[in-house]
Amino acid sequence: MEIRNPSPNEDEELLNQEEDQFHDVKSIRIKPSSLQEHFVAFANTDGGELIIGIEDKKVIGERLVGFKKIEDANDIIQNLLEQIKVLRCSEWV
């Protein structure tokens, strides 16, 4: 997994990204289990980008809030890996 900090220009691009069928942003406070619908939606289309660590546009103040350490993302990563296994197995049926 690549770990990097966004450049200043990238910060603005991420914060101004419109959400659509190919792009979605979520808070780091999202429950990992609630990401399933997003994974399935991307799997049923042409894919997309799900960025975790951006607060909703309605939030006043800092909206770009990443994980303090990589381990803080473990539950989300585990959920993603489980969903990939399920999606791959369903292709075989």
C-alpha atoms as a PDB file:
ATOM      1  CA  MET A   1       0.000   0.000   0.000  1.00  0.00           C
ATOM      2  CA  GLU A   2       1.367   3.372  -0.959  1.00  0.00           C
ATOM      3  CA  ILE A   3       1.474   5.936   1.832  1.00  0.00           C
ATOM      4  CA  ARG A   4       2.018   9.559   0.984  1.00  0.00           C
ATOM      5  CA  ASN A   5       0.843  13.041   1.859  1.00  0.00           C
ATOM      6  CA  PRO A   6      -1.019  15.027  -0.782  1.00  0.00           C
ATOM      7  CA  SER A   7       0.698  18.064  -2.256  1.00  0.00           C
ATOM      8  CA  PRO A   8      -0.869  21.497  -1.560  1.00  0.00           C
ATOM      9  CA  ASN A   9      -2.516  21.552  -5.005  1.00  0.00           C
ATOM     10  CA  GLU A  10      -3.805  18.046  -4.476  1.00  0.00           C
ATOM     11  CA  ASP A  11      -5.412  19.130  -1.185  1.00  0.00           C
ATOM     12  CA  GLU A  12      -7.593  21.609  -3.045  1.00  0.00           C
ATOM     13  CA  GLU A  13      -8.428  19.114  -5.789  1.00  0.00           C
ATOM     14  CA  LEU A  14      -9.496  16.517  -3.229  1.00  0.00           C
ATOM     15  CA  LEU A  15     -11.617  18.983  -1.287  1.00  0.00           C
ATOM     16  CA  ASN A  16     -13.315  20.270  -4.434  1.00  0.00           C
ATOM     17  CA  GLN A  17     -13.865  16.846  -6.024  1.00  0.00           C
ATOM     18  CA  GLU A  18     -17.517  16.365  -6.906  1.00  0.00           C
ATOM     19  CA  GLU A  19     -18.938  13.049  -5.808  1.00  0.00           C
ATOM     20  CA  ASP A  20     -20.487  10.984  -8.589  1.00  0.00           C
ATOM     21  CA  GLN A  21     -20.733   7.358  -9.690  1.00  0.00           C
ATOM     22  CA  PHE A  22     -16.936   7.171 -10.035  1.00  0.00           C
ATOM     23  CA  HIS A  23     -15.788   9.297  -7.074  1.00  0.00           C
ATOM     24  CA  ASP A  24     -16.819   9.170  -3.448  1.00  0.00           C
ATOM     25  CA  VAL A  25     -15.295  10.619  -0.282  1.00  0.00           C
ATOM     26  CA  LYS A  26     -15.919   9.510   3.287  1.00  0.00           C
ATOM     27  CA  SER A  27     -14.897  10.573   6.769  1.00  0.00           C
ATOM     28  CA  ILE A  28     -12.335   8.472   8.631  1.00  0.00           C
ATOM     29  CA  ARG A  29     -15.056   8.069  11.270  1.00  0.00           C
ATOM     30  CA  ILE A  30     -17.157   5.909   8.916  1.00  0.00           C
ATOM     31  CA  LYS A  31     -17.974   2.436  10.194  1.00  0.00           C
ATOM     32  CA  PRO A  32     -16.022  -0.064   8.095  1.00  0.00           C
ATOM     33  CA  SER A  33     -19.137  -2.224   7.674  1.00  0.00           C
ATOM     34  CA  SER A  34     -21.023   0.653   6.054  1.00  0.00           C
ATOM     35  CA  LEU A  35     -18.485   0.809   3.226  1.00  0.00           C
ATOM     36  CA  GLN A  36     -19.847  -2.402   1.723  1.00  0.00           C
ATOM     37  CA  GLU A  37     -22.495  -0.648  -0.366  1.00  0.00           C
ATOM     38  CA  HIS A  38     -19.832   1.600  -1.895  1.00  0.00           C
ATOM     39  CA  PHE A  39     -17.540  -1.321  -2.739  1.00  0.00           C
ATOM     40  CA  VAL A  40     -20.417  -3.220  -4.337  1.00  0.00           C
ATOM     41  CA  ALA A  41     -21.561  -0.170  -6.311  1.00  0.00           C
ATOM     42  CA  PHE A  42     -18.077   0.315  -7.752  1.00  0.00           C
ATOM     43  CA  ALA A  43     -17.798  -3.408  -8.478  1.00  0.00           C
ATOM     44  CA  ASN A  44     -21.108  -3.353 -10.372  1.00  0.00           C
ATOM     45  CA  THR A  45     -19.994  -0.468 -12.597  1.00  0.00           C
ATOM     46  CA  ASP A  46     -16.702   0.511 -14.157  1.00  0.00           C
ATOM     47  CA  GLY A  47     -15.004   0.967 -10.787  1.00  0.00           C
ATOM     48  CA  GLY A  48     -14.182   4.224  -9.100  1.00  0.00           C
ATOM     49  CA  GLU A  49     -12.232   5.987  -6.397  1.00  0.00           C
ATOM     50  CA  LEU A  50     -13.229   5.942  -2.758  1.00  0.00           C
ATOM     51  CA  ILE A  51     -11.179   8.364  -0.704  1.00  0.00           C
ATOM     52  CA  ILE A  52     -11.391   8.010   3.056  1.00  0.00           C
ATOM     53  CA  GLY A  53     -10.293  10.985   5.113  1.00  0.00           C
ATOM     54  CA  ILE A  54     -12.355  13.843   3.692  1.00  0.00           C
ATOM     55  CA  GLU A  55     -15.211  15.272   5.709  1.00  0.00           C
ATOM     56  CA  ASP A  56     -18.494  16.242   4.065  1.00  0.00           C
ATOM     57  CA  LYS A  57     -18.662  19.681   2.432  1.00  0.00           C
ATOM     58  CA  LYS A  58     -21.140  20.776   5.123  1.00  0.00           C
ATOM     59  CA  VAL A  59     -18.412  20.498   7.780  1.00  0.00           C
ATOM     60  CA  ILE A  60     -17.023  23.821   8.922  1.00  0.00           C
ATOM     61  CA  GLY A  61     -13.289  23.806   9.556  1.00  0.00           C
ATOM     62  CA  GLU A  62     -10.676  21.267   8.524  1.00  0.00           C
ATOM     63  CA  ARG A  63     -12.148  18.755   6.078  1.00  0.00           C
ATOM     64  CA  LEU A  64      -9.027  16.839   5.067  1.00  0.00           C
ATOM     65  CA  VAL A  65      -8.485  14.551   8.053  1.00  0.00           C
ATOM     66  CA  GLY A  66      -6.294  11.538   7.470  1.00  0.00           C
ATOM     67  CA  PHE A  67      -5.330   8.686   9.726  1.00  0.00           C
ATOM     68  CA  LYS A  68      -2.762   9.574  12.375  1.00  0.00           C
ATOM     69  CA  LYS A  69      -1.001   6.247  11.837  1.00  0.00           C
ATOM     70  CA  ILE A  70      -1.482   3.498   9.257  1.00  0.00           C
ATOM     71  CA  GLU A  71      -2.735   1.045  11.889  1.00  0.00           C
ATOM     72  CA  ASP A  72      -5.786   3.275  12.403  1.00  0.00           C
ATOM     73  CA  ALA A  73      -6.980   2.204   8.949  1.00  0.00           C
ATOM     74  CA  ASN A  74      -6.754  -1.545   9.674  1.00  0.00           C
ATOM     75  CA  ASP A  75     -10.506  -2.093  10.161  1.00  0.00           C
ATOM     76  CA  ILE A  76     -11.308  -0.390   6.871  1.00  0.00           C
ATOM     77  CA  ILE A  77      -8.567  -2.273   5.019  1.00  0.00           C
ATOM     78  CA  GLN A  78      -9.746  -5.579   6.489  1.00  0.00           C
ATOM     79  CA  ASN A  79     -13.321  -4.851   5.425  1.00  0.00           C
ATOM     80  CA  LEU A  80     -12.158  -4.004   1.912  1.00  0.00           C
ATOM     81  CA  LEU A  81     -10.184  -7.249   1.647  1.00  0.00           C
ATOM     82  CA  GLU A  82     -13.188  -9.265   2.837  1.00  0.00           C
ATOM     83  CA  GLN A  83     -15.414  -7.596   0.242  1.00  0.00           C
ATOM     84  CA  ILE A  84     -12.920  -8.339  -2.524  1.00  0.00           C
ATOM     85  CA  LYS A  85     -12.929 -12.027  -1.528  1.00  0.00           C
ATOM     86  CA  VAL A  86     -16.745 -12.111  -1.608  1.00  0.00           C
ATOM     87  CA  LEU A  87     -16.890 -10.372  -4.982  1.00  0.00           C
ATOM     88  CA  ARG A  88     -14.318 -12.716  -6.503  1.00  0.00           C
ATOM     89  CA  CYS A  89     -16.111 -15.807  -5.174  1.00  0.00           C
ATOM     90  CA  SER A  90     -19.450 -14.593  -6.553  1.00  0.00           C
ATOM     91  CA  GLU A  91     -17.864 -14.382 -10.028  1.00  0.00           C
ATOM     92  CA  TRP A  92     -17.244 -18.119  -9.915  1.00  0.00           C
ATOM     93  CA  VAL A  93     -20.878 -19.010  -9.215  1.00  0.00           C
END
